[in-house]
């Protein structure tokens, strides 16, 4: 699983598309909230991991 955090949507979209096309990797999004300054929390990581497992990523 690849962890990627960026605030630049256009860059991420292009990077995501290129990475998936070249390598076949699937990215699992991690939800970050503005209420905690977009910090990645343990709860957010665990939630993303569980969703990725459920989706066979």
PDB file of N, CA and C in Angstrom:
ATOM      1  N   UNK A   1       0.848  -1.156   0.000  1.00  0.00           N
ATOM      2  CA  UNK A   1       0.000   0.000   0.000  1.00  0.00           C
ATOM      3  C   UNK A   1       0.898   1.224   0.000  1.00  0.00           C
ATOM      4  N   UNK A   2       0.531   2.229  -0.732  1.00  0.00           N
ATOM      5  CA  UNK A   2       1.325   3.448  -0.853  1.00  0.00           C
ATOM      6  C   UNK A   2       0.621   4.586  -0.149  1.00  0.00           C
ATOM      7  N   UNK A   3       1.335   5.303   0.679  1.00  0.00           N
ATOM      8  CA  UNK A   3       0.806   6.460   1.372  1.00  0.00           C
ATOM      9  C   UNK A   3       1.270   7.707   0.650  1.00  0.00           C
ATOM     10  N   UNK A   4       0.325   8.529   0.231  1.00  0.00           N
ATOM     11  CA  UNK A   4       0.669   9.762  -0.459  1.00  0.00           C
ATOM     12  C   UNK A   4      -0.226  10.856   0.070  1.00  0.00           C
ATOM     13  N   UNK A   5       0.374  11.926   0.552  1.00  0.00           N
ATOM     14  CA  UNK A   5      -0.392  13.056   1.062  1.00  0.00           C
ATOM     15  C   UNK A   5       0.004  14.282   0.259  1.00  0.00           C
ATOM     16  N   UNK A   6      -0.970  14.962  -0.289  1.00  0.00           N
ATOM     17  CA  UNK A   6      -0.702  16.184  -1.032  1.00  0.00           C
ATOM     18  C   UNK A   6      -1.916  17.077  -0.981  1.00  0.00           C
ATOM     19  N   UNK A   7      -1.689  18.353  -1.036  1.00  0.00           N
ATOM     20  CA  UNK A   7      -2.793  19.317  -1.066  1.00  0.00           C
ATOM     21  C   UNK A   7      -3.028  19.833  -2.482  1.00  0.00           C
ATOM     22  N   UNK A   8      -2.219  19.431  -3.418  1.00  0.00           N
ATOM     23  CA  UNK A   8      -2.349  19.891  -4.788  1.00  0.00           C
ATOM     24  C   UNK A   8      -3.124  18.859  -5.598  1.00  0.00           C
ATOM     25  N   UNK A   9      -4.419  19.090  -5.777  1.00  0.00           N
ATOM     26  CA  UNK A   9      -5.273  18.100  -6.414  1.00  0.00           C
ATOM     27  C   UNK A   9      -4.816  17.773  -7.834  1.00  0.00           C
ATOM     28  N   UNK A  10      -4.506  18.782  -8.643  1.00  0.00           N
ATOM     29  CA  UNK A  10      -4.101  18.511 -10.025  1.00  0.00           C
ATOM     30  C   UNK A  10      -2.832  17.685 -10.086  1.00  0.00           C
ATOM     31  N   UNK A  11      -1.877  17.996  -9.237  1.00  0.00           N
ATOM     32  CA  UNK A  11      -0.652  17.212  -9.209  1.00  0.00           C
ATOM     33  C   UNK A  11      -0.962  15.772  -8.820  1.00  0.00           C
ATOM     34  N   UNK A  12      -1.772  15.602  -7.781  1.00  0.00           N
ATOM     35  CA  UNK A  12      -2.103  14.257  -7.320  1.00  0.00           C
ATOM     36  C   UNK A  12      -2.826  13.478  -8.407  1.00  0.00           C
ATOM     37  N   UNK A  13      -3.774  14.124  -9.085  1.00  0.00           N
ATOM     38  CA  UNK A  13      -4.527  13.431 -10.131  1.00  0.00           C
ATOM     39  C   UNK A  13      -3.579  12.927 -11.218  1.00  0.00           C
ATOM     40  N   UNK A  14      -2.677  13.771 -11.656  1.00  0.00           N
ATOM     41  CA  UNK A  14      -1.729  13.356 -12.703  1.00  0.00           C
ATOM     42  C   UNK A  14      -0.779  12.285 -12.184  1.00  0.00           C
ATOM     43  N   UNK A  15      -0.286  12.470 -10.974  1.00  0.00           N
ATOM     44  CA  UNK A  15       0.629  11.507 -10.384  1.00  0.00           C
ATOM     45  C   UNK A  15      -0.055  10.154 -10.213  1.00  0.00           C
ATOM     46  N   UNK A  16      -1.276  10.182  -9.686  1.00  0.00           N
ATOM     47  CA  UNK A  16      -2.061   8.966  -9.475  1.00  0.00           C
ATOM     48  C   UNK A  16      -2.257   8.214 -10.781  1.00  0.00           C
ATOM     49  N   UNK A  17      -2.693   8.921 -11.807  1.00  0.00           N
ATOM     50  CA  UNK A  17      -2.943   8.291 -13.103  1.00  0.00           C
ATOM     51  C   UNK A  17      -1.660   7.705 -13.685  1.00  0.00           C
ATOM     52  N   UNK A  18      -0.581   8.458 -13.622  1.00  0.00           N
ATOM     53  CA  UNK A  18       0.694   7.999 -14.174  1.00  0.00           C
ATOM     54  C   UNK A  18       1.228   6.806 -13.380  1.00  0.00           C
ATOM     55  N   UNK A  19       1.166   6.871 -12.066  1.00  0.00           N
ATOM     56  CA  UNK A  19       1.668   5.777 -11.235  1.00  0.00           C
ATOM     57  C   UNK A  19       0.882   4.496 -11.495  1.00  0.00           C
ATOM     58  N   UNK A  20      -0.442   4.600 -11.546  1.00  0.00           N
ATOM     59  CA  UNK A  20      -1.256   3.408 -11.789  1.00  0.00           C
ATOM     60  C   UNK A  20      -0.980   2.829 -13.171  1.00  0.00           C
ATOM     61  N   UNK A  21      -0.832   3.684 -14.170  1.00  0.00           N
ATOM     62  CA  UNK A  21      -0.600   3.223 -15.536  1.00  0.00           C
ATOM     63  C   UNK A  21       0.755   2.532 -15.667  1.00  0.00           C
ATOM     64  N   UNK A  22       1.785   3.110 -15.057  1.00  0.00           N
ATOM     65  CA  UNK A  22       3.141   2.564 -15.204  1.00  0.00           C
ATOM     66  C   UNK A  22       3.399   1.326 -14.358  1.00  0.00           C
ATOM     67  N   UNK A  23       2.777   1.253 -13.180  1.00  0.00           N
ATOM     68  CA  UNK A  23       3.129   0.184 -12.248  1.00  0.00           C
ATOM     69  C   UNK A  23       1.993  -0.766 -11.906  1.00  0.00           C
ATOM     70  N   UNK A  24       0.760  -0.349 -12.143  1.00  0.00           N
ATOM     71  CA  UNK A  24      -0.380  -1.166 -11.749  1.00  0.00           C
ATOM     72  C   UNK A  24      -0.735  -1.027 -10.276  1.00  0.00           C
ATOM     73  N   UNK A  25      -0.066  -0.112  -9.579  1.00  0.00           N
ATOM     74  CA  UNK A  25      -0.323   0.128  -8.157  1.00  0.00           C
ATOM     75  C   UNK A  25      -1.676   0.803  -7.987  1.00  0.00           C
ATOM     76  N   UNK A  26      -2.385   0.437  -6.939  1.00  0.00           N
ATOM     77  CA  UNK A  26      -3.627   1.115  -6.594  1.00  0.00           C
ATOM     78  C   UNK A  26      -3.400   1.905  -5.314  1.00  0.00           C
ATOM     79  N   UNK A  27      -3.828   3.145  -5.292  1.00  0.00           N
ATOM     80  CA  UNK A  27      -3.642   3.995  -4.125  1.00  0.00           C
ATOM     81  C   UNK A  27      -4.868   3.938  -3.232  1.00  0.00           C
ATOM     82  N   UNK A  28      -4.642   3.928  -1.945  1.00  0.00           N
ATOM     83  CA  UNK A  28      -5.731   3.943  -0.974  1.00  0.00           C
ATOM     84  C   UNK A  28      -5.776   5.328  -0.328  1.00  0.00           C
ATOM     85  N   UNK A  29      -6.871   6.047  -0.487  1.00  0.00           N
ATOM     86  CA  UNK A  29      -6.939   7.403   0.084  1.00  0.00           C
ATOM     87  C   UNK A  29      -7.025   7.368   1.607  1.00  0.00           C
ATOM     88  N   UNK A  30      -6.395   8.338   2.226  1.00  0.00           N
ATOM     89  CA  UNK A  30      -6.469   8.521   3.671  1.00  0.00           C
ATOM     90  C   UNK A  30      -7.174   9.848   3.899  1.00  0.00           C
ATOM     91  N   UNK A  31      -8.271   9.799   4.639  1.00  0.00           N
ATOM     92  CA  UNK A  31      -9.067  10.992   4.866  1.00  0.00           C
ATOM     93  C   UNK A  31      -8.426  11.839   5.960  1.00  0.00           C
ATOM     94  N   UNK A  32      -8.113  13.084   5.610  1.00  0.00           N
ATOM     95  CA  UNK A  32      -7.553  14.047   6.559  1.00  0.00           C
ATOM     96  C   UNK A  32      -8.560  15.182   6.702  1.00  0.00           C
ATOM     97  N   UNK A  33      -8.776  15.628   7.922  1.00  0.00           N
ATOM     98  CA  UNK A  33      -9.791  16.650   8.189  1.00  0.00           C
ATOM     99  C   UNK A  33      -9.158  17.981   8.552  1.00  0.00           C
ATOM    100  N   UNK A  34      -9.820  19.058   8.137  1.00  0.00           N
ATOM    101  CA  UNK A  34      -9.326  20.394   8.448  1.00  0.00           C
ATOM    102  C   UNK A  34      -9.396  20.691   9.945  1.00  0.00           C
ATOM    103  N   UNK A  35     -10.270  20.002  10.657  1.00  0.00           N
ATOM    104  CA  UNK A  35     -10.428  20.261  12.091  1.00  0.00           C
ATOM    105  C   UNK A  35      -9.164  19.948  12.892  1.00  0.00           C
ATOM    106  N   UNK A  36      -8.274  19.123  12.334  1.00  0.00           N
ATOM    107  CA  UNK A  36      -7.010  18.842  13.034  1.00  0.00           C
ATOM    108  C   UNK A  36      -5.807  19.206  12.165  1.00  0.00           C
ATOM    109  N   UNK A  37      -5.987  20.211  11.318  1.00  0.00           N
ATOM    110  CA  UNK A  37      -4.905  20.724  10.459  1.00  0.00           C
ATOM    111  C   UNK A  37      -4.435  19.703   9.430  1.00  0.00           C
ATOM    112  N   UNK A  38      -5.328  18.849   8.981  1.00  0.00           N
ATOM    113  CA  UNK A  38      -5.043  17.840   7.964  1.00  0.00           C
ATOM    114  C   UNK A  38      -3.932  16.873   8.381  1.00  0.00           C
ATOM    115  N   UNK A  39      -3.824  16.623   9.655  1.00  0.00           N
ATOM    116  CA  UNK A  39      -2.834  15.667  10.153  1.00  0.00           C
ATOM    117  C   UNK A  39      -3.356  14.243   9.952  1.00  0.00           C
ATOM    118  N   UNK A  40      -2.453  13.345   9.644  1.00  0.00           N
ATOM    119  CA  UNK A  40      -2.814  11.938   9.481  1.00  0.00           C
ATOM    120  C   UNK A  40      -2.814  11.306  10.869  1.00  0.00           C
ATOM    121  N   UNK A  41      -3.962  10.799  11.264  1.00  0.00           N
ATOM    122  CA  UNK A  41      -4.091  10.194  12.587  1.00  0.00           C
ATOM    123  C   UNK A  41      -4.022   8.674  12.495  1.00  0.00           C
ATOM    124  N   UNK A  42      -3.780   8.053  13.618  1.00  0.00           N
ATOM    125  CA  UNK A  42      -3.765   6.590  13.681  1.00  0.00           C
ATOM    126  C   UNK A  42      -5.128   6.037  13.252  1.00  0.00           C
ATOM    127  N   UNK A  43      -6.196   6.684  13.704  1.00  0.00           N
ATOM    128  CA  UNK A  43      -7.548   6.247  13.353  1.00  0.00           C
ATOM    129  C   UNK A  43      -7.779   6.322  11.836  1.00  0.00           C
ATOM    130  N   UNK A  44      -7.301   7.413  11.207  1.00  0.00           N
ATOM    131  CA  UNK A  44      -7.460   7.571   9.760  1.00  0.00           C
ATOM    132  C   UNK A  44      -6.667   6.508   9.004  1.00  0.00           C
ATOM    133  N   UNK A  45      -5.461   6.202   9.464  1.00  0.00           N
ATOM    134  CA  UNK A  45      -4.645   5.164   8.833  1.00  0.00           C
ATOM    135  C   UNK A  45      -5.315   3.797   8.945  1.00  0.00           C
ATOM    136  N   UNK A  46      -5.809   3.497  10.132  1.00  0.00           N
ATOM    137  CA  UNK A  46      -6.468   2.206  10.335  1.00  0.00           C
ATOM    138  C   UNK A  46      -7.731   2.089   9.486  1.00  0.00           C
ATOM    139  N   UNK A  47      -8.485   3.163   9.394  1.00  0.00           N
ATOM    140  CA  UNK A  47      -9.703   3.159   8.583  1.00  0.00           C
ATOM    141  C   UNK A  47      -9.369   2.946   7.106  1.00  0.00           C
ATOM    142  N   UNK A  48      -8.359   3.652   6.608  1.00  0.00           N
ATOM    143  CA  UNK A  48      -7.951   3.501   5.205  1.00  0.00           C
ATOM    144  C   UNK A  48      -7.447   2.086   4.940  1.00  0.00           C
ATOM    145  N   UNK A  49      -6.719   1.540   5.888  1.00  0.00           N
ATOM    146  CA  UNK A  49      -6.203   0.187   5.745  1.00  0.00           C
ATOM    147  C   UNK A  49      -7.341  -0.829   5.669  1.00  0.00           C
ATOM    148  N   UNK A  50      -8.302  -0.704   6.561  1.00  0.00           N
ATOM    149  CA  UNK A  50      -9.441  -1.621   6.564  1.00  0.00           C
ATOM    150  C   UNK A  50     -10.250  -1.517   5.266  1.00  0.00           C
ATOM    151  N   UNK A  51     -10.437  -0.303   4.753  1.00  0.00           N
ATOM    152  CA  UNK A  51     -11.164  -0.113   3.496  1.00  0.00           C
ATOM    153  C   UNK A  51     -10.381  -0.726   2.329  1.00  0.00           C
ATOM    154  N   UNK A  52      -9.066  -0.584   2.367  1.00  0.00           N
ATOM    155  CA  UNK A  52      -8.238  -1.155   1.300  1.00  0.00           C
ATOM    156  C   UNK A  52      -8.306  -2.672   1.318  1.00  0.00           C
ATOM    157  N   UNK A  53      -8.253  -3.266   2.493  1.00  0.00           N
ATOM    158  CA  UNK A  53      -8.350  -4.720   2.629  1.00  0.00           C
ATOM    159  C   UNK A  53      -9.718  -5.194   2.119  1.00  0.00           C
ATOM    160  N   UNK A  54     -10.784  -4.480   2.502  1.00  0.00           N
ATOM    161  CA  UNK A  54     -12.129  -4.851   2.074  1.00  0.00           C
ATOM    162  C   UNK A  54     -12.305  -4.731   0.553  1.00  0.00           C
ATOM    163  N   UNK A  55     -11.542  -3.821  -0.056  1.00  0.00           N
ATOM    164  CA  UNK A  55     -11.622  -3.598  -1.503  1.00  0.00           C
ATOM    165  C   UNK A  55     -10.609  -4.435  -2.285  1.00  0.00           C
ATOM    166  N   UNK A  56      -9.885  -5.297  -1.599  1.00  0.00           N
ATOM    167  CA  UNK A  56      -8.835  -6.123  -2.215  1.00  0.00           C
ATOM    168  C   UNK A  56      -7.730  -5.316  -2.871  1.00  0.00           C
ATOM    169  N   UNK A  57      -7.375  -4.226  -2.250  1.00  0.00           N
ATOM    170  CA  UNK A  57      -6.261  -3.405  -2.760  1.00  0.00           C
ATOM    171  C   UNK A  57      -4.984  -3.935  -2.144  1.00  0.00           C
TER     172      UNK A  57
END
